[in-house]
Amino acid sequence: QDSFIGDWETNKGKLCIEIYKEGSYYYGKI
């Protein structure tokens, strides 16, 4: 259930997002 939750980055660390869960939905914010 928690596999997606956490901090993720791309472009060699230039962009980092946090994936979190609210209710049954997942969201990602910069």
ModelCIF file with pLDDT and N, C-alpha, C, O atoms, coordinates in Angstrom:
data_MODEL
#
_entry.id   MODEL 
#
_entity.id                         1 
_entity.type                       polymer 
_entity.pdbx_number_of_molecules   1 
#
_entity_poly.entity_id                      1 
_entity_poly.type                           'polypeptide(L)' 
_entity_poly.nstd_linkage                   no 
_entity_poly.nstd_monomer                   no 
_entity_poly.pdbx_seq_one_letter_code       QDSFIGDWETNKGKLCIEIYKEGSYYYGKI 
_entity_poly.pdbx_seq_one_letter_code_can   QDSFIGDWETNKGKLCIEIYKEGSYYYGKI 
_entity_poly.pdbx_strand_id                 A 
#
loop_
_entity_poly_seq.entity_id 
_entity_poly_seq.num 
_entity_poly_seq.mon_id 
_entity_poly_seq.hetero 
1 1  GLN n 
1 2  ASP n 
1 3  SER n 
1 4  PHE n 
1 5  ILE n 
1 6  GLY n 
1 7  ASP n 
1 8  TRP n 
1 9  GLU n 
1 10 THR n 
1 11 ASN n 
1 12 LYS n 
1 13 GLY n 
1 14 LYS n 
1 15 LEU n 
1 16 CYS n 
1 17 ILE n 
1 18 GLU n 
1 19 ILE n 
1 20 TYR n 
1 21 LYS n 
1 22 GLU n 
1 23 GLY n 
1 24 SER n 
1 25 TYR n 
1 26 TYR n 
1 27 TYR n 
1 28 GLY n 
1 29 LYS n 
1 30 ILE n 
#
_struct_asym.id          A 
_struct_asym.entity_id   1 
#
loop_
_ma_qa_metric.id 
_ma_qa_metric.mode 
_ma_qa_metric.name 
_ma_qa_metric.software_group_id 
_ma_qa_metric.type 
1 global pLDDT . pLDDT 
2 local  pLDDT . pLDDT 
#
_ma_qa_metric_global.metric_id      1 
_ma_qa_metric_global.metric_value   88.27 
_ma_qa_metric_global.model_id       1 
_ma_qa_metric_global.ordinal_id     1 
#
loop_
_ma_qa_metric_local.label_asym_id 
_ma_qa_metric_local.label_comp_id 
_ma_qa_metric_local.label_seq_id 
_ma_qa_metric_local.metric_id 
_ma_qa_metric_local.metric_value 
_ma_qa_metric_local.model_id 
_ma_qa_metric_local.ordinal_id 
A GLN 1  2 52.00 1 1  
A ASP 2  2 75.00 1 2  
A SER 3  2 89.00 1 3  
A PHE 4  2 92.00 1 4  
A ILE 5  2 93.00 1 5  
A GLY 6  2 93.00 1 6  
A ASP 7  2 94.00 1 7  
A TRP 8  2 94.00 1 8  
A GLU 9  2 93.00 1 9  
A THR 10 2 87.00 1 10 
A ASN 11 2 71.00 1 11 
A LYS 12 2 74.00 1 12 
A GLY 13 2 77.00 1 13 
A LYS 14 2 83.00 1 14 
A LEU 15 2 88.00 1 15 
A CYS 16 2 93.00 1 16 
A ILE 17 2 92.00 1 17 
A GLU 18 2 94.00 1 18 
A ILE 19 2 92.00 1 19 
A TYR 20 2 93.00 1 20 
A LYS 21 2 94.00 1 21 
A GLU 22 2 94.00 1 22 
A GLY 23 2 93.00 1 23 
A SER 24 2 92.00 1 24 
A TYR 25 2 93.00 1 25 
A TYR 26 2 93.00 1 26 
A TYR 27 2 93.00 1 27 
A GLY 28 2 92.00 1 28 
A LYS 29 2 94.00 1 29 
A ILE 30 2 91.00 1 30 
#
loop_
_atom_site.group_PDB 
_atom_site.id 
_atom_site.type_symbol 
_atom_site.label_atom_id 
_atom_site.label_alt_id 
_atom_site.label_comp_id 
_atom_site.label_asym_id 
_atom_site.label_entity_id 
_atom_site.label_seq_id 
_atom_site.pdbx_PDB_ins_code 
_atom_site.Cartn_x 
_atom_site.Cartn_y 
_atom_site.Cartn_z 
_atom_site.occupancy 
_atom_site.B_iso_or_equiv 
_atom_site.pdbx_formal_charge 
_atom_site.auth_seq_id 
_atom_site.auth_comp_id 
_atom_site.auth_asym_id 
_atom_site.auth_atom_id 
_atom_site.pdbx_PDB_model_num 
ATOM 1   N N  . GLN A 1 1  ? 0.820  -1.206 0.000   1.00 52.00 ? 1  GLN A N  1 
ATOM 2   C CA . GLN A 1 1  ? 0.000  0.000  0.000   1.00 52.00 ? 1  GLN A CA 1 
ATOM 3   C C  . GLN A 1 1  ? 0.856  1.259  0.000   1.00 52.00 ? 1  GLN A C  1 
ATOM 4   O O  . GLN A 1 1  ? 0.444  2.276  -0.558  1.00 52.00 ? 1  GLN A O  1 
ATOM 5   N N  . ASP A 1 2  ? 2.009  1.218  0.598   1.00 75.00 ? 2  ASP A N  1 
ATOM 6   C CA . ASP A 1 2  ? 2.846  2.397  0.726   1.00 75.00 ? 2  ASP A CA 1 
ATOM 7   C C  . ASP A 1 2  ? 3.942  2.487  -0.336  1.00 75.00 ? 2  ASP A C  1 
ATOM 8   O O  . ASP A 1 2  ? 4.822  3.342  -0.234  1.00 75.00 ? 2  ASP A O  1 
ATOM 9   N N  . SER A 1 3  ? 3.906  1.634  -1.340  1.00 89.00 ? 3  SER A N  1 
ATOM 10  C CA . SER A 1 3  ? 4.980  1.597  -2.333  1.00 89.00 ? 3  SER A CA 1 
ATOM 11  C C  . SER A 1 3  ? 5.158  2.913  -3.073  1.00 89.00 ? 3  SER A C  1 
ATOM 12  O O  . SER A 1 3  ? 6.285  3.268  -3.420  1.00 89.00 ? 3  SER A O  1 
ATOM 13  N N  . PHE A 1 4  ? 4.088  3.642  -3.325  1.00 92.00 ? 4  PHE A N  1 
ATOM 14  C CA . PHE A 1 4  ? 4.173  4.884  -4.095  1.00 92.00 ? 4  PHE A CA 1 
ATOM 15  C C  . PHE A 1 4  ? 4.474  6.094  -3.219  1.00 92.00 ? 4  PHE A C  1 
ATOM 16  O O  . PHE A 1 4  ? 5.025  7.089  -3.692  1.00 92.00 ? 4  PHE A O  1 
ATOM 17  N N  . ILE A 1 5  ? 4.115  6.008  -1.953  1.00 93.00 ? 5  ILE A N  1 
ATOM 18  C CA . ILE A 1 5  ? 4.237  7.160  -1.065  1.00 93.00 ? 5  ILE A CA 1 
ATOM 19  C C  . ILE A 1 5  ? 5.700  7.461  -0.777  1.00 93.00 ? 5  ILE A C  1 
ATOM 20  O O  . ILE A 1 5  ? 6.491  6.567  -0.478  1.00 93.00 ? 5  ILE A O  1 
ATOM 21  N N  . GLY A 1 6  ? 6.043  8.760  -0.876  1.00 93.00 ? 6  GLY A N  1 
ATOM 22  C CA . GLY A 1 6  ? 7.413  9.181  -0.587  1.00 93.00 ? 6  GLY A CA 1 
ATOM 23  C C  . GLY A 1 6  ? 7.874  10.255 -1.551  1.00 93.00 ? 6  GLY A C  1 
ATOM 24  O O  . GLY A 1 6  ? 7.087  10.790 -2.332  1.00 93.00 ? 6  GLY A O  1 
ATOM 25  N N  . ASP A 1 7  ? 9.150  10.559 -1.485  1.00 94.00 ? 7  ASP A N  1 
ATOM 26  C CA . ASP A 1 7  ? 9.754  11.591 -2.329  1.00 94.00 ? 7  ASP A CA 1 
ATOM 27  C C  . ASP A 1 7  ? 10.443 10.953 -3.526  1.00 94.00 ? 7  ASP A C  1 
ATOM 28  O O  . ASP A 1 7  ? 11.183 9.979  -3.385  1.00 94.00 ? 7  ASP A O  1 
ATOM 29  N N  . TRP A 1 8  ? 10.193 11.516 -4.710  1.00 94.00 ? 8  TRP A N  1 
ATOM 30  C CA . TRP A 1 8  ? 10.731 11.004 -5.962  1.00 94.00 ? 8  TRP A CA 1 
ATOM 31  C C  . TRP A 1 8  ? 11.364 12.159 -6.731  1.00 94.00 ? 8  TRP A C  1 
ATOM 32  O O  . TRP A 1 8  ? 10.902 13.297 -6.652  1.00 94.00 ? 8  TRP A O  1 
ATOM 33  N N  . GLU A 1 9  ? 12.437 11.852 -7.484  1.00 93.00 ? 9  GLU A N  1 
ATOM 34  C CA . GLU A 1 9  ? 13.076 12.909 -8.273  1.00 93.00 ? 9  GLU A CA 1 
ATOM 35  C C  . GLU A 1 9  ? 13.394 12.429 -9.682  1.00 93.00 ? 9  GLU A C  1 
ATOM 36  O O  . GLU A 1 9  ? 13.533 11.232 -9.936  1.00 93.00 ? 9  GLU A O  1 
ATOM 37  N N  . THR A 1 10 ? 13.506 13.392 -10.587 1.00 87.00 ? 10 THR A N  1 
ATOM 38  C CA . THR A 1 10 ? 13.874 13.126 -11.967 1.00 87.00 ? 10 THR A CA 1 
ATOM 39  C C  . THR A 1 10 ? 14.782 14.254 -12.449 1.00 87.00 ? 10 THR A C  1 
ATOM 40  O O  . THR A 1 10 ? 15.022 15.221 -11.727 1.00 87.00 ? 10 THR A O  1 
ATOM 41  N N  . ASN A 1 11 ? 15.274 14.122 -13.653 1.00 71.00 ? 11 ASN A N  1 
ATOM 42  C CA . ASN A 1 11 ? 16.164 15.127 -14.239 1.00 71.00 ? 11 ASN A CA 1 
ATOM 43  C C  . ASN A 1 11 ? 17.357 15.423 -13.341 1.00 71.00 ? 11 ASN A C  1 
ATOM 44  O O  . ASN A 1 11 ? 17.703 16.580 -13.099 1.00 71.00 ? 11 ASN A O  1 
ATOM 45  N N  . LYS A 1 12 ? 17.973 14.359 -12.855 1.00 74.00 ? 12 LYS A N  1 
ATOM 46  C CA . LYS A 1 12 ? 19.161 14.474 -12.000 1.00 74.00 ? 12 LYS A CA 1 
ATOM 47  C C  . LYS A 1 12 ? 18.909 15.358 -10.783 1.00 74.00 ? 12 LYS A C  1 
ATOM 48  O O  . LYS A 1 12 ? 19.771 16.145 -10.393 1.00 74.00 ? 12 LYS A O  1 
ATOM 49  N N  . GLY A 1 13 ? 17.743 15.229 -10.195 1.00 77.00 ? 13 GLY A N  1 
ATOM 50  C CA . GLY A 1 13 ? 17.426 15.949 -8.974  1.00 77.00 ? 13 GLY A CA 1 
ATOM 51  C C  . GLY A 1 13 ? 16.891 17.350 -9.182  1.00 77.00 ? 13 GLY A C  1 
ATOM 52  O O  . GLY A 1 13 ? 16.655 18.057 -8.202  1.00 77.00 ? 13 GLY A O  1 
ATOM 53  N N  . LYS A 1 14 ? 16.688 17.785 -10.426 1.00 83.00 ? 14 LYS A N  1 
ATOM 54  C CA . LYS A 1 14 ? 16.182 19.135 -10.680 1.00 83.00 ? 14 LYS A CA 1 
ATOM 55  C C  . LYS A 1 14 ? 14.713 19.276 -10.306 1.00 83.00 ? 14 LYS A C  1 
ATOM 56  O O  . LYS A 1 14 ? 14.252 20.372 -9.988  1.00 83.00 ? 14 LYS A O  1 
ATOM 57  N N  . LEU A 1 15 ? 13.979 18.168 -10.343 1.00 88.00 ? 15 LEU A N  1 
ATOM 58  C CA . LEU A 1 15 ? 12.574 18.179 -9.968  1.00 88.00 ? 15 LEU A CA 1 
ATOM 59  C C  . LEU A 1 15 ? 12.330 17.069 -8.964  1.00 88.00 ? 15 LEU A C  1 
ATOM 60  O O  . LEU A 1 15 ? 12.683 15.916 -9.207  1.00 88.00 ? 15 LEU A O  1 
ATOM 61  N N  . CYS A 1 16 ? 11.727 17.415 -7.839  1.00 93.00 ? 16 CYS A N  1 
ATOM 62  C CA . CYS A 1 16 ? 11.427 16.448 -6.791  1.00 93.00 ? 16 CYS A CA 1 
ATOM 63  C C  . CYS A 1 16 ? 9.958  16.609 -6.412  1.00 93.00 ? 16 CYS A C  1 
ATOM 64  O O  . CYS A 1 16 ? 9.490  17.722 -6.173  1.00 93.00 ? 16 CYS A O  1 
ATOM 65  N N  . ILE A 1 17 ? 9.230  15.485 -6.358  1.00 92.00 ? 17 ILE A N  1 
ATOM 66  C CA . ILE A 1 17 ? 7.839  15.541 -5.941  1.00 92.00 ? 17 ILE A CA 1 
ATOM 67  C C  . ILE A 1 17 ? 7.623  14.627 -4.742  1.00 92.00 ? 17 ILE A C  1 
ATOM 68  O O  . ILE A 1 17 ? 8.361  13.667 -4.523  1.00 92.00 ? 17 ILE A O  1 
ATOM 69  N N  . GLU A 1 18 ? 6.603  14.952 -3.986  1.00 94.00 ? 18 GLU A N  1 
ATOM 70  C CA . GLU A 1 18 ? 6.178  14.107 -2.872  1.00 94.00 ? 18 GLU A CA 1 
ATOM 71  C C  . GLU A 1 18 ? 4.850  13.471 -3.260  1.00 94.00 ? 18 GLU A C  1 
ATOM 72  O O  . GLU A 1 18 ? 3.890  14.178 -3.568  1.00 94.00 ? 18 GLU A O  1 
ATOM 73  N N  . ILE A 1 19 ? 4.787  12.155 -3.249  1.00 92.00 ? 19 ILE A N  1 
ATOM 74  C CA . ILE A 1 19 ? 3.532  11.458 -3.496  1.00 92.00 ? 19 ILE A CA 1 
ATOM 75  C C  . ILE A 1 19 ? 2.927  11.108 -2.140  1.00 92.00 ? 19 ILE A C  1 
ATOM 76  O O  . ILE A 1 19 ? 3.589  10.535 -1.274  1.00 92.00 ? 19 ILE A O  1 
ATOM 77  N N  . TYR A 1 20 ? 1.663  11.463 -1.979  1.00 93.00 ? 20 TYR A N  1 
ATOM 78  C CA . TYR A 1 20 ? 0.961  11.208 -0.725  1.00 93.00 ? 20 TYR A CA 1 
ATOM 79  C C  . TYR A 1 20 ? -0.450 10.724 -1.043  1.00 93.00 ? 20 TYR A C  1 
ATOM 80  O O  . TYR A 1 20 ? -0.915 10.818 -2.179  1.00 93.00 ? 20 TYR A O  1 
ATOM 81  N N  . LYS A 1 21 ? -1.112 10.211 -0.027  1.00 94.00 ? 21 LYS A N  1 
ATOM 82  C CA . LYS A 1 21 ? -2.446 9.650  -0.205  1.00 94.00 ? 21 LYS A CA 1 
ATOM 83  C C  . LYS A 1 21 ? -3.448 10.407 0.650   1.00 94.00 ? 21 LYS A C  1 
ATOM 84  O O  . LYS A 1 21 ? -3.212 10.670 1.829   1.00 94.00 ? 21 LYS A O  1 
ATOM 85  N N  . GLU A 1 22 ? -4.585 10.757 0.026   1.00 94.00 ? 22 GLU A N  1 
ATOM 86  C CA . GLU A 1 22 ? -5.707 11.359 0.738   1.00 94.00 ? 22 GLU A CA 1 
ATOM 87  C C  . GLU A 1 22 ? -6.937 10.537 0.397   1.00 94.00 ? 22 GLU A C  1 
ATOM 88  O O  . GLU A 1 22 ? -7.361 10.502 -0.759  1.00 94.00 ? 22 GLU A O  1 
ATOM 89  N N  . GLY A 1 23 ? -7.511 9.879  1.385   1.00 93.00 ? 23 GLY A N  1 
ATOM 90  C CA . GLY A 1 23 ? -8.634 8.985  1.127   1.00 93.00 ? 23 GLY A CA 1 
ATOM 91  C C  . GLY A 1 23 ? -8.165 7.823  0.270   1.00 93.00 ? 23 GLY A C  1 
ATOM 92  O O  . GLY A 1 23 ? -7.205 7.138  0.622   1.00 93.00 ? 23 GLY A O  1 
ATOM 93  N N  . SER A 1 24 ? -8.828 7.599  -0.846  1.00 92.00 ? 24 SER A N  1 
ATOM 94  C CA . SER A 1 24 ? -8.428 6.509  -1.735  1.00 92.00 ? 24 SER A CA 1 
ATOM 95  C C  . SER A 1 24 ? -7.612 7.003  -2.935  1.00 92.00 ? 24 SER A C  1 
ATOM 96  O O  . SER A 1 24 ? -7.260 6.211  -3.810  1.00 92.00 ? 24 SER A O  1 
ATOM 97  N N  . TYR A 1 25 ? -7.307 8.309  -2.981  1.00 93.00 ? 25 TYR A N  1 
ATOM 98  C CA . TYR A 1 25 ? -6.570 8.895  -4.100  1.00 93.00 ? 25 TYR A CA 1 
ATOM 99  C C  . TYR A 1 25 ? -5.121 9.212  -3.723  1.00 93.00 ? 25 TYR A C  1 
ATOM 100 O O  . TYR A 1 25 ? -4.804 9.493  -2.567  1.00 93.00 ? 25 TYR A O  1 
ATOM 101 N N  . TYR A 1 26 ? -4.265 9.158  -4.724  1.00 93.00 ? 26 TYR A N  1 
ATOM 102 C CA . TYR A 1 26 ? -2.865 9.542  -4.576  1.00 93.00 ? 26 TYR A CA 1 
ATOM 103 C C  . TYR A 1 26 ? -2.649 10.864 -5.301  1.00 93.00 ? 26 TYR A C  1 
ATOM 104 O O  . TYR A 1 26 ? -3.219 11.099 -6.367  1.00 93.00 ? 26 TYR A O  1 
ATOM 105 N N  . TYR A 1 27 ? -1.820 11.725 -4.715  1.00 93.00 ? 27 TYR A N  1 
ATOM 106 C CA . TYR A 1 27 ? -1.499 13.031 -5.291  1.00 93.00 ? 27 TYR A CA 1 
ATOM 107 C C  . TYR A 1 27 ? 0.019  13.203 -5.281  1.00 93.00 ? 27 TYR A C  1 
ATOM 108 O O  . TYR A 1 27 ? 0.729  12.542 -4.524  1.00 93.00 ? 27 TYR A O  1 
ATOM 109 N N  . GLY A 1 28 ? 0.491  14.093 -6.125  1.00 92.00 ? 28 GLY A N  1 
ATOM 110 C CA . GLY A 1 28 ? 1.915  14.414 -6.132  1.00 92.00 ? 28 GLY A CA 1 
ATOM 111 C C  . GLY A 1 28 ? 2.102  15.917 -6.197  1.00 92.00 ? 28 GLY A C  1 
ATOM 112 O O  . GLY A 1 28 ? 1.558  16.582 -7.078  1.00 92.00 ? 28 GLY A O  1 
ATOM 113 N N  . LYS A 1 29 ? 2.881  16.454 -5.252  1.00 94.00 ? 29 LYS A N  1 
ATOM 114 C CA . LYS A 1 29 ? 3.143  17.890 -5.273  1.00 94.00 ? 29 LYS A CA 1 
ATOM 115 C C  . LYS A 1 29 ? 4.645  18.134 -5.349  1.00 94.00 ? 29 LYS A C  1 
ATOM 116 O O  . LYS A 1 29 ? 5.450  17.330 -4.879  1.00 94.00 ? 29 LYS A O  1 
ATOM 117 N N  . ILE A 1 30 ? 4.995  19.247 -5.943  1.00 91.00 ? 30 ILE A N  1 
ATOM 118 C CA . ILE A 1 30 ? 6.393  19.603 -6.158  1.00 91.00 ? 30 ILE A CA 1 
ATOM 119 C C  . ILE A 1 30 ? 7.026  20.032 -4.837  1.00 91.00 ? 30 ILE A C  1 
ATOM 120 O O  . ILE A 1 30 ? 8.208  20.373 -4.801  1.00 91.00 ? 30 ILE A O  1 
#
